[in-house]
C-alpha atoms as a PDB file:
ATOM      1  CA  MET A   1     142.382 122.865 132.929  1.00  0.00           C
ATOM      2  CA  ALA A   2     140.123 122.187 130.316  1.00  0.00           C
ATOM      3  CA  LYS A   3     137.343 124.715 129.616  1.00  0.00           C
ATOM      4  CA  ALA A   4     134.467 123.550 127.497  1.00  0.00           C
ATOM      5  CA  ILE A   5     133.693 125.556 124.390  1.00  0.00           C
ATOM      6  CA  HIS A   6     130.763 123.752 122.001  1.00  0.00           C
ATOM      7  CA  MET A   7     128.628 121.302 121.457  1.00  0.00           C
ATOM      8  CA  MET A   8     127.887 119.728 118.241  1.00  0.00           C
ATOM      9  CA  VAL A   9     124.732 118.453 116.804  1.00  0.00           C
ATOM     10  CA  ARG A  10     123.549 117.131 113.174  1.00  0.00           C
ATOM     11  CA  VAL A  11     120.835 118.959 111.796  1.00  0.00           C
ATOM     12  CA  LEU A  12     118.944 118.872 108.379  1.00  0.00           C
ATOM     13  CA  ASP A  13     118.045 122.235 108.279  1.00  0.00           C
ATOM     14  CA  GLU A  14     119.792 125.549 108.302  1.00  0.00           C
ATOM     15  CA  GLU A  15     117.324 127.919 108.292  1.00  0.00           C
ATOM     16  CA  ARG A  16     114.888 125.854 110.292  1.00  0.00           C
ATOM     17  CA  SER A  17     117.593 125.411 113.138  1.00  0.00           C
ATOM     18  CA  LEU A  18     119.170 129.193 113.166  1.00  0.00           C
ATOM     19  CA  ALA A  19     115.644 130.105 113.697  1.00  0.00           C
ATOM     20  CA  PHE A  20     114.660 127.460 116.884  1.00  0.00           C
ATOM     21  CA  TYR A  21     117.627 128.721 118.366  1.00  0.00           C
ATOM     22  CA  ARG A  22     117.644 132.528 117.985  1.00  0.00           C
ATOM     23  CA  LYS A  23     113.704 132.332 118.852  1.00  0.00           C
ATOM     24  CA  ALA A  24     114.461 129.910 122.106  1.00  0.00           C
ATOM     25  CA  PHE A  25     118.221 130.794 123.504  1.00  0.00           C
ATOM     26  CA  GLY A  26     118.931 134.342 121.375  1.00  0.00           C
ATOM     27  CA  LEU A  27     121.694 132.401 120.104  1.00  0.00           C
ATOM     28  CA  GLU A  28     123.023 134.146 116.889  1.00  0.00           C
ATOM     29  CA  VAL A  29     125.869 133.283 114.506  1.00  0.00           C
ATOM     30  CA  ALA A  30     129.255 134.329 115.695  1.00  0.00           C
ATOM     31  CA  GLU A  31     130.938 132.166 112.710  1.00  0.00           C
ATOM     32  CA  ARG A  32     129.494 130.230 109.509  1.00  0.00           C
ATOM     33  CA  LEU A  33     132.382 127.875 107.669  1.00  0.00           C
ATOM     34  CA  ASP A  34     131.549 126.422 104.784  1.00  0.00           C
ATOM     35  CA  PHE A  35     133.026 123.740 103.042  1.00  0.00           C
ATOM     36  CA  ASP A  36     132.502 121.405 100.032  1.00  0.00           C
ATOM     37  CA  SER A  37     130.350 118.612 101.356  1.00  0.00           C
ATOM     38  CA  PHE A  38     129.167 120.889 104.797  1.00  0.00           C
ATOM     39  CA  THR A  39     128.503 123.563 106.631  1.00  0.00           C
ATOM     40  CA  LEU A  40     129.847 124.244 110.279  1.00  0.00           C
ATOM     41  CA  VAL A  41     127.403 127.050 111.691  1.00  0.00           C
ATOM     42  CA  TYR A  42     128.356 128.103 115.648  1.00  0.00           C
ATOM     43  CA  LEU A  43     125.905 129.952 117.595  1.00  0.00           C
ATOM     44  CA  ARG A  44     126.496 132.379 120.559  1.00  0.00           C
ATOM     45  CA  ASN A  45     125.192 135.014 122.876  1.00  0.00           C
ATOM     46  CA  ALA A  46     126.316 137.098 125.337  1.00  0.00           C
ATOM     47  CA  GLU A  47     126.195 135.629 128.315  1.00  0.00           C
ATOM     48  CA  ASN A  48     129.295 133.478 127.412  1.00  0.00           C
ATOM     49  CA  ASP A  49     131.699 132.035 125.061  1.00  0.00           C
ATOM     50  CA  PHE A  50     130.510 128.536 124.964  1.00  0.00           C
ATOM     51  CA  GLU A  51     128.809 127.866 121.489  1.00  0.00           C
ATOM     52  CA  VAL A  52     126.368 125.453 120.363  1.00  0.00           C
ATOM     53  CA  GLU A  53     127.888 124.106 116.517  1.00  0.00           C
ATOM     54  CA  LEU A  54     125.440 123.481 113.958  1.00  0.00           C
ATOM     55  CA  THR A  55     126.657 120.259 111.271  1.00  0.00           C
ATOM     56  CA  VAL A  56     124.708 120.623 108.065  1.00  0.00           C
ATOM     57  CA  ASN A  57     125.793 117.936 105.508  1.00  0.00           C
ATOM     58  CA  LYS A  58     124.918 119.196 102.198  1.00  0.00           C
ATOM     59  CA  ASP A  59     124.235 115.592 100.915  1.00  0.00           C
ATOM     60  CA  ARG A  60     122.124 114.919 103.665  1.00  0.00           C
ATOM     61  CA  SER A  61     118.235 114.789 102.995  1.00  0.00           C
ATOM     62  CA  GLU A  62     116.910 112.251 105.344  1.00  0.00           C
ATOM     63  CA  PRO A  63     116.469 113.301 109.346  1.00  0.00           C
ATOM     64  CA  TYR A  64     119.172 112.074 111.856  1.00  0.00           C
ATOM     65  CA  SER A  65     118.807 108.937 114.126  1.00  0.00           C
ATOM     66  CA  LEU A  66     119.298 110.170 117.468  1.00  0.00           C
ATOM     67  CA  GLY A  67     119.436 106.906 118.681  1.00  0.00           C
ATOM     68  CA  ASP A  68     119.133 106.046 122.429  1.00  0.00           C
ATOM     69  CA  GLY A  69     122.489 108.037 123.556  1.00  0.00           C
ATOM     70  CA  TYR A  70     121.803 111.769 123.039  1.00  0.00           C
ATOM     71  CA  GLY A  71     121.163 113.284 126.315  1.00  0.00           C
ATOM     72  CA  HIS A  72     120.457 116.953 126.497  1.00  0.00           C
ATOM     73  CA  ILE A  73     121.941 120.525 126.863  1.00  0.00           C
ATOM     74  CA  ALA A  74     121.126 123.168 129.513  1.00  0.00           C
ATOM     75  CA  PHE A  75     120.162 126.552 129.336  1.00  0.00           C
ATOM     76  CA  CYS A  76     119.339 128.846 133.019  1.00  0.00           C
ATOM     77  CA  VAL A  77     117.732 131.411 133.031  1.00  0.00           C
ATOM     78  CA  ASP A  78     117.098 134.227 135.571  1.00  0.00           C
ATOM     79  CA  ASN A  79     112.620 133.208 135.561  1.00  0.00           C
ATOM     80  CA  LEU A  80     111.499 130.488 134.552  1.00  0.00           C
ATOM     81  CA  ASP A  81     108.101 130.892 134.612  1.00  0.00           C
ATOM     82  CA  TYR A  82     108.730 133.940 132.019  1.00  0.00           C
ATOM     83  CA  GLU A  83     110.523 131.940 129.529  1.00  0.00           C
ATOM     84  CA  HIS A  84     107.882 129.019 129.476  1.00  0.00           C
ATOM     85  CA  LYS A  85     105.208 131.730 128.422  1.00  0.00           C
ATOM     86  CA  ARG A  86     107.467 133.354 125.912  1.00  0.00           C
ATOM     87  CA  PHE A  87     108.213 129.680 124.732  1.00  0.00           C
ATOM     88  CA  GLU A  88     104.598 129.072 124.649  1.00  0.00           C
ATOM     89  CA  ALA A  89     104.007 132.224 122.605  1.00  0.00           C
ATOM     90  CA  GLU A  90     106.877 131.522 120.048  1.00  0.00           C
ATOM     91  CA  GLY A  91     105.110 128.550 119.589  1.00  0.00           C
ATOM     92  CA  LEU A  92     107.997 126.385 120.935  1.00  0.00           C
ATOM     93  CA  ALA A  93     105.773 123.668 122.985  1.00  0.00           C
ATOM     94  CA  PRO A  94     107.899 123.825 125.864  1.00  0.00           C
ATOM     95  CA  GLU A  95     107.069 120.780 128.327  1.00  0.00           C
ATOM     96  CA  ASP A  96     105.393 121.288 131.714  1.00  0.00           C
ATOM     97  CA  ILE A  97     107.558 123.165 133.921  1.00  0.00           C
ATOM     98  CA  LYS A  98     108.890 120.520 136.819  1.00  0.00           C
ATOM     99  CA  GLU A  99     110.479 120.645 140.034  1.00  0.00           C
ATOM    100  CA  PHE A 100     113.180 118.226 141.590  1.00  0.00           C
ATOM    101  CA  PHE A 101     113.837 117.886 144.798  1.00  0.00           C
ATOM    102  CA  VAL A 102     116.519 115.585 146.838  1.00  0.00           C
ATOM    103  CA  GLU A 103     116.210 114.990 150.481  1.00  0.00           C
ATOM    104  CA  GLY A 104     113.604 117.392 150.769  1.00  0.00           C
ATOM    105  CA  LYS A 105     115.099 120.416 149.408  1.00  0.00           C
ATOM    106  CA  LEU A 106     114.702 122.137 145.653  1.00  0.00           C
ATOM    107  CA  LEU A 107     117.467 121.173 143.431  1.00  0.00           C
ATOM    108  CA  ALA A 108     115.667 122.500 140.308  1.00  0.00           C
ATOM    109  CA  ARG A 109     112.749 123.849 138.506  1.00  0.00           C
ATOM    110  CA  PHE A 110     113.006 122.909 134.804  1.00  0.00           C
ATOM    111  CA  PHE A 111     111.251 122.159 131.391  1.00  0.00           C
ATOM    112  CA  PHE A 112     112.597 120.996 128.291  1.00  0.00           C
ATOM    113  CA  VAL A 113     111.937 121.723 125.051  1.00  0.00           C
ATOM    114  CA  THR A 114     112.930 119.843 121.444  1.00  0.00           C
ATOM    115  CA  ASP A 115     114.841 121.385 118.427  1.00  0.00           C
ATOM    116  CA  PRO A 116     113.271 120.925 115.143  1.00  0.00           C
ATOM    117  CA  ASP A 117     115.994 117.935 114.524  1.00  0.00           C
ATOM    118  CA  GLY A 118     114.642 116.335 117.707  1.00  0.00           C
ATOM    119  CA  TYR A 119     117.473 117.114 120.096  1.00  0.00           C
ATOM    120  CA  ARG A 120     115.911 117.767 123.545  1.00  0.00           C
ATOM    121  CA  ILE A 121     116.948 121.028 125.351  1.00  0.00           C
ATOM    122  CA  GLU A 122     116.925 121.799 129.421  1.00  0.00           C
ATOM    123  CA  MET A 123     116.268 125.305 130.578  1.00  0.00           C
ATOM    124  CA  LEU A 124     116.574 125.277 134.165  1.00  0.00           C
ATOM    125  CA  GLU A 125     115.975 128.447 136.924  1.00  0.00           C
ATOM    126  CA  ARG A 126     119.191 129.778 138.199  1.00  0.00           C
ATOM    127  CA  HIS A 127     119.332 128.247 141.783  1.00  0.00           C
ATOM    128  CA  GLY A 128     121.633 126.207 143.732  1.00  0.00           C
ATOM    129  CA  ARG A 129     124.396 124.648 141.519  1.00  0.00           C
ATOM    130  CA  TYR A 130     122.457 125.564 138.467  1.00  0.00           C
ATOM    131  CA  GLN A 131     124.277 128.993 137.611  1.00  0.00           C
END
């Protein structure tokens, strides 16, 4: 059976992106591979081995166009209210917490935050299918 191992986003400023993902999600560099025209930076935390891969193209000076195809990546936490306050204190500008119901039952509590390159990231409270 296939196992998800990473997702990749192209970023303009490596240091700015590293600072964001460290502050927001506690992700640290697992490996950094430097090539002539690009750098790959794999980020992970102690929670699991799924990684966020940052691709930094060295000849790029203009922000990437995200188009209308990118959706989001999601992380889950035990205490969404705490994390929302922490994001605010870190200056990460989280959106408001929302609740999503299906047939009158709570499906999810969540908020979104946007990384320095415009990628939206969902933060979900551990509940039901979101573990």
